[in-house]
Amino acid sequence: MIKLTLLTLTLLYNSLSISSVTGLISAKEYKTSNLQSISEAKSVFNKLYRNRKGWSQCYDRAHYWSYQMYKNNNIYSEKIFIFFTKKYTREINGRWWFHVAPALYIQNKLHVFDPEFLGEPVPFEVWKNGAIDHAHYKLVPIKKRLTKQLNYNRNQLSKYTPNEGQYRYWQQKISQVNQQLDKLLIKDTNLIPVTKENFPYNNMREILSLKCREIDYYSQLNLNSQNDYCYIMRTSMYFLAPKDIENFEKQAFFSSSFNYNRVFSSFKRGFWGYFPY
C-alpha cells in the first residue's frame, strides 16, 4: 500500500474548492479565518460558551468552541495541539500529556482562543508559554544559578595555565555545569523579560526562550524524546482528539465538515446546559 502524504493529497484534490480541502491534517493546507480587528475578535471570544463541567476535557471544549464560532460567525478556526513529552511530565509537570485550543488570525497574526485559562485572545507565543508555564517557574531559577556558577568557574579557570593542575580541575567543573544545562535542555536558552507579547501571567519577571518542536504528522511525535519538552501541531478545526490525527495518517481519511453527533457529544461531555444547534 502506498502511504499518502499531505502533498500527495493536496495534488489529488487541488482541482476542488478550498472548502473541500479544509479537512487536511496540516493547517498549512487550511484556510484559517483572519479577523480584521481586535474588538471583533474579543466580541467572538466573549460569546464562547463557558458553563463547563469540572471534569471536562480540553478537546471537547475546543471542539465545541470551534463549532460555535463556525455556526455563529462563519469562522474557520484551526486547532493547536501542544503535546508534552514524558521528559516534561516526569521532570516538570505531569498533569497533562497534551492540551488543545482553537486558533485563528487577527490582523494576520495567529491568536489562540482559550477561555478556560485566558481572559482574551492571545498571540500564539503567549499561549504556548502559558501552556508550559511550569517549565518557566522551575527552570528560570535553575538557569540563573547554573549560569552564575558557570561564570564563576570560567573566571577561576582564567587564573591558571593549561599546564597547572588547577586548570584541569576548573575545566571539569565547567563541564559538569554544562552537562546539567544540557540535561535540562536550557544550555542554549536565554532569559528574556516578560511582556504581554510572550507570557500571559504577571507573576514572572523573566522567562526562558524555550521552544516546542513543530510537527506536521502525528508520527513525528516522540513522547520518549530526551531532547524535547513539547511539540506543537496545527490542524483543521474538524479534528477532535489526537486519535483522530493518528487515524488520518494511518488511513488517509479526512473530513471537510463537522460531524454533528460528535459535536453534540463534545458539548454534553464538556458543558452543562442546553445544546443550542
Protein backbone atom coordinates (compact mmCIF):
# COMPACT_ATOMS: atom_id res chain seq x y z
CA MET A 1 0.00 0.00 0.00
CA ILE A 2 1.29 3.46 -0.90
CA LYS A 3 1.25 5.87 2.04
CA LEU A 4 -0.48 9.09 1.03
CA THR A 5 1.34 12.19 2.17
CA LEU A 6 -0.21 15.61 2.64
CA LEU A 7 1.49 16.77 -0.53
CA THR A 8 0.03 13.84 -2.47
CA LEU A 9 -3.44 14.53 -1.12
CA THR A 10 -3.11 18.20 -1.95
CA LEU A 11 -2.16 17.38 -5.54
CA LEU A 12 -5.02 14.91 -5.83
CA TYR A 13 -7.57 17.46 -4.66
CA ASN A 14 -6.10 20.68 -5.98
CA SER A 15 -8.90 20.98 -8.52
CA LEU A 16 -11.54 21.07 -5.78
CA SER A 17 -12.76 24.10 -3.86
CA ILE A 18 -10.96 25.24 -0.71
CA SER A 19 -13.85 24.02 1.43
CA SER A 20 -13.28 20.50 0.10
CA VAL A 21 -9.66 20.51 1.21
CA THR A 22 -10.13 22.04 4.65
CA GLY A 23 -10.15 18.67 6.37
CA LEU A 24 -6.49 18.07 5.65
CA ILE A 25 -4.47 17.43 8.74
CA SER A 26 -1.99 20.29 8.49
CA ALA A 27 -3.05 23.89 8.93
CA LYS A 28 -0.68 24.72 6.05
CA GLU A 29 -3.35 23.44 3.63
CA TYR A 30 -6.22 25.00 5.55
CA LYS A 31 -7.83 28.42 5.09
CA THR A 32 -7.93 29.79 8.63
CA SER A 33 -10.12 32.85 9.11
CA ASN A 34 -8.47 36.24 9.55
CA LEU A 35 -10.41 38.79 11.63
CA GLN A 36 -9.71 42.43 10.88
CA SER A 37 -9.92 43.94 14.36
CA ILE A 38 -9.14 43.15 17.98
CA SER A 39 -12.60 44.35 19.01
CA GLU A 40 -14.27 41.87 16.65
CA ALA A 41 -12.09 39.07 18.00
CA LYS A 42 -12.87 39.93 21.61
CA SER A 43 -16.56 40.01 20.81
CA VAL A 44 -16.35 36.49 19.36
CA PHE A 45 -14.23 35.31 22.29
CA ASN A 46 -16.59 36.71 24.93
CA LYS A 47 -19.54 34.83 23.43
CA LEU A 48 -17.86 31.42 23.68
CA TYR A 49 -19.84 29.16 25.98
CA ARG A 50 -18.35 28.96 29.49
CA ASN A 51 -20.59 26.74 31.63
CA ARG A 52 -18.18 23.82 31.61
CA LYS A 53 -18.24 20.66 33.66
CA GLY A 54 -15.43 20.43 36.19
CA TRP A 55 -14.12 17.13 34.86
CA SER A 56 -14.38 18.04 31.17
CA GLN A 57 -11.57 17.55 28.67
CA CYS A 58 -9.86 20.31 26.70
CA TYR A 59 -10.52 18.61 23.34
CA ASP A 60 -14.28 18.57 23.93
CA ARG A 61 -14.32 22.25 24.88
CA ALA A 62 -12.11 23.19 21.93
CA HIS A 63 -14.27 21.22 19.51
CA TYR A 64 -17.48 22.86 20.65
CA TRP A 65 -15.93 26.35 20.63
CA SER A 66 -14.71 25.79 17.07
CA TYR A 67 -18.18 24.68 16.04
CA GLN A 68 -19.80 27.60 17.86
CA MET A 69 -17.58 30.13 16.03
CA TYR A 70 -18.29 28.40 12.74
CA LYS A 71 -22.09 28.36 13.21
CA ASN A 72 -22.43 31.84 14.71
CA ASN A 73 -19.77 33.77 12.79
CA ASN A 74 -18.80 31.60 9.80
CA ILE A 75 -15.29 31.46 11.27
CA TYR A 76 -12.90 28.74 10.13
CA SER A 77 -10.69 28.28 13.14
CA GLU A 78 -7.89 25.77 13.42
CA LYS A 79 -6.82 23.59 16.33
CA ILE A 80 -3.45 23.96 18.02
CA PHE A 81 -2.30 20.89 19.92
CA ILE A 82 0.61 21.06 22.34
CA PHE A 83 1.98 17.66 23.33
CA PHE A 84 4.16 17.21 26.41
CA THR A 85 6.91 14.59 26.31
CA LYS A 86 7.50 12.12 29.11
CA LYS A 87 10.58 14.15 29.98
CA TYR A 88 8.29 17.13 30.62
CA THR A 89 5.67 15.16 32.56
CA ARG A 90 8.38 13.43 34.61
CA GLU A 91 10.70 16.37 35.32
CA ILE A 92 8.45 19.43 35.07
CA ASN A 93 4.75 18.72 35.48
CA GLY A 94 2.74 15.54 34.96
CA ARG A 95 -0.78 16.93 34.93
CA TRP A 96 -1.43 16.54 31.17
CA TRP A 97 0.16 14.90 28.18
CA PHE A 98 -1.47 17.33 25.73
CA HIS A 99 -3.66 20.42 25.51
CA VAL A 100 -5.63 21.87 22.60
CA ALA A 101 -7.46 25.11 21.83
CA PRO A 102 -8.94 26.86 18.77
CA ALA A 103 -6.92 29.50 16.95
CA LEU A 104 -7.38 31.99 14.14
CA TYR A 105 -5.72 35.07 12.75
CA ILE A 106 -6.33 38.60 13.98
CA GLN A 107 -4.89 41.16 11.59
CA ASN A 108 -2.67 38.44 10.06
CA LYS A 109 -1.25 37.31 13.41
CA LEU A 110 -2.16 33.91 14.82
CA HIS A 111 -4.08 34.11 18.10
CA VAL A 112 -5.35 31.34 20.37
CA PHE A 113 -8.85 31.38 21.86
CA ASP A 114 -8.67 29.51 25.17
CA PRO A 115 -11.30 30.85 27.62
CA GLU A 116 -10.56 28.02 30.02
CA PHE A 117 -7.31 29.72 31.05
CA LEU A 118 -7.19 33.17 29.45
CA GLY A 119 -9.48 36.18 29.50
CA GLU A 120 -8.98 37.22 25.87
CA PRO A 121 -7.48 36.00 22.60
CA VAL A 122 -3.69 35.95 22.89
CA PRO A 123 -0.84 35.59 20.37
CA PHE A 124 0.31 32.04 19.83
CA GLU A 125 3.64 32.59 21.60
CA VAL A 126 1.83 33.87 24.70
CA TRP A 127 -0.45 30.82 24.77
CA LYS A 128 2.46 28.42 24.23
CA ASN A 129 4.47 29.90 27.09
CA GLY A 130 1.39 29.83 29.29
CA ALA A 131 0.90 26.15 28.49
CA ILE A 132 4.46 25.36 29.60
CA ASP A 133 4.44 27.83 32.49
CA HIS A 134 5.60 25.16 34.95
CA ALA A 135 8.80 24.82 32.94
CA HIS A 136 9.47 28.54 33.29
CA TYR A 137 8.70 28.51 37.01
CA LYS A 138 11.06 25.59 37.62
CA LEU A 139 13.86 26.25 35.15
CA VAL A 140 14.36 30.03 35.38
CA PRO A 141 15.91 29.93 38.88
CA ILE A 142 17.98 26.87 37.90
CA LYS A 143 19.22 28.65 34.78
CA LYS A 144 20.23 31.68 36.86
CA ARG A 145 22.01 29.56 39.47
CA LEU A 146 23.90 27.43 36.96
CA THR A 147 24.83 30.44 34.82
CA LYS A 148 26.27 32.17 37.87
CA GLN A 149 28.18 29.02 38.76
CA LEU A 150 29.44 28.64 35.20
CA ASN A 151 30.72 32.23 35.10
CA TYR A 152 32.48 31.72 38.42
CA ASN A 153 34.15 28.54 37.18
CA ARG A 154 35.30 30.24 34.00
CA ASN A 155 36.71 33.11 35.98
CA GLN A 156 38.64 30.66 38.15
CA LEU A 157 39.90 28.81 35.08
CA SER A 158 41.31 32.04 33.65
CA LYS A 159 43.70 32.29 36.60
CA TYR A 160 45.66 29.21 35.57
CA THR A 161 47.61 27.96 32.59
CA PRO A 162 46.84 24.64 30.87
CA ASN A 163 49.95 23.15 32.45
CA GLU A 164 48.71 23.66 36.00
CA GLY A 165 46.64 21.07 37.85
CA GLN A 166 44.01 23.59 38.91
CA TYR A 167 43.32 24.31 35.25
CA ARG A 168 42.09 20.73 34.68
CA TYR A 169 40.02 20.90 37.86
CA TRP A 170 38.13 24.00 36.77
CA GLN A 171 37.69 22.56 33.29
CA GLN A 172 35.93 19.59 34.84
CA LYS A 173 33.73 21.87 36.94
CA ILE A 174 32.71 23.79 33.80
CA SER A 175 31.96 20.52 32.01
CA GLN A 176 29.77 19.34 34.89
CA VAL A 177 27.67 22.52 34.80
CA ASN A 178 27.30 22.31 31.03
CA GLN A 179 26.11 18.72 31.37
CA GLN A 180 23.42 19.85 33.80
CA LEU A 181 22.32 22.59 31.43
CA ASP A 182 22.23 20.11 28.54
CA LYS A 183 20.17 17.59 30.51
CA LEU A 184 17.63 20.29 31.37
CA LEU A 185 17.57 21.49 27.71
CA ILE A 186 18.41 25.05 28.76
CA LYS A 187 22.05 25.39 27.73
CA ASP A 188 21.19 27.39 24.60
CA THR A 189 18.20 29.25 26.02
CA ASN A 190 18.18 32.89 27.06
CA LEU A 191 16.42 34.70 29.86
CA ILE A 192 14.03 37.25 28.38
CA PRO A 193 11.90 39.90 30.13
CA VAL A 194 8.20 39.10 30.46
CA THR A 195 5.89 41.19 28.27
CA LYS A 196 2.30 40.95 27.08
CA GLU A 197 3.69 39.52 23.85
CA ASN A 198 5.34 36.47 25.38
CA PHE A 199 3.65 35.44 28.68
CA PRO A 200 0.03 35.65 29.85
CA TYR A 201 0.62 35.97 33.60
CA ASN A 202 2.07 38.74 35.76
CA ASN A 203 3.86 36.58 38.33
CA MET A 204 7.17 36.29 36.44
CA ARG A 205 9.76 38.90 35.56
CA GLU A 206 11.68 36.66 33.20
CA ILE A 207 11.05 33.52 31.20
CA LEU A 208 13.26 31.26 29.11
CA SER A 209 13.33 31.17 25.33
CA LEU A 210 12.03 27.59 25.36
CA LYS A 211 10.86 26.14 22.05
CA CYS A 212 8.37 23.42 21.21
CA ARG A 213 9.19 21.38 18.12
CA GLU A 214 6.59 21.97 15.38
CA ILE A 215 5.38 18.89 13.52
CA ASP A 216 3.06 18.21 10.57
CA TYR A 217 2.46 14.50 11.13
CA TYR A 218 1.40 12.62 14.24
CA SER A 219 4.11 10.03 13.51
CA GLN A 220 6.69 12.76 14.11
CA LEU A 221 5.56 12.96 17.73
CA ASN A 222 8.08 11.26 20.02
CA LEU A 223 6.85 11.33 23.60
CA ASN A 224 10.00 9.48 24.67
CA SER A 225 12.32 12.18 23.34
CA GLN A 226 15.03 13.30 25.73
CA ASN A 227 15.72 16.36 23.56
CA ASP A 228 12.27 17.97 23.69
CA TYR A 229 9.82 19.10 26.33
CA CYS A 230 6.93 19.69 23.93
CA TYR A 231 5.61 19.51 20.37
CA ILE A 232 3.21 21.81 18.53
CA MET A 233 0.82 20.60 15.85
CA ARG A 234 -1.70 22.71 13.96
CA THR A 235 -4.68 21.06 12.29
CA SER A 236 -8.02 21.99 10.78
CA MET A 237 -10.96 22.52 13.12
CA TYR A 238 -12.51 19.16 12.27
CA PHE A 239 -10.08 17.03 14.29
CA LEU A 240 -11.39 16.32 17.78
CA ALA A 241 -8.59 14.49 19.60
CA PRO A 242 -5.09 13.07 18.99
CA LYS A 243 -6.59 9.71 17.97
CA ASP A 244 -8.29 11.44 15.01
CA ILE A 245 -4.95 12.80 13.83
CA GLU A 246 -3.30 9.42 14.20
CA ASN A 247 -6.11 7.68 12.31
CA PHE A 248 -5.91 10.20 9.50
CA GLU A 249 -2.28 9.43 8.90
CA LYS A 250 -2.83 5.67 9.03
CA GLN A 251 -5.94 5.61 6.85
CA ALA A 252 -5.60 8.81 4.77
CA PHE A 253 -9.12 9.66 5.88
CA PHE A 254 -10.14 13.29 6.15
CA SER A 255 -13.27 15.33 6.58
CA SER A 256 -14.23 18.76 5.31
CA SER A 257 -17.17 19.20 7.67
CA PHE A 258 -18.16 18.75 11.30
CA ASN A 259 -19.79 15.54 12.42
CA TYR A 260 -22.92 16.77 14.20
CA ASN A 261 -23.13 13.81 16.57
CA ARG A 262 -19.53 14.26 17.67
CA VAL A 263 -20.06 17.98 18.29
CA PHE A 264 -23.19 17.20 20.30
CA SER A 265 -21.28 14.58 22.32
CA SER A 266 -18.43 17.03 22.95
CA PHE A 267 -20.90 19.58 24.26
CA LYS A 268 -22.58 17.08 26.55
CA ARG A 269 -19.26 15.83 27.92
CA GLY A 270 -17.79 19.29 28.27
CA PHE A 271 -20.56 21.61 29.39
CA TRP A 272 -23.71 21.95 31.40
CA GLY A 273 -26.81 23.32 29.73
CA TYR A 274 -28.86 23.09 26.55
CA PHE A 275 -27.21 22.33 23.21
CA PRO A 276 -28.45 25.20 21.03
CA TYR A 277 -27.90 23.86 17.50
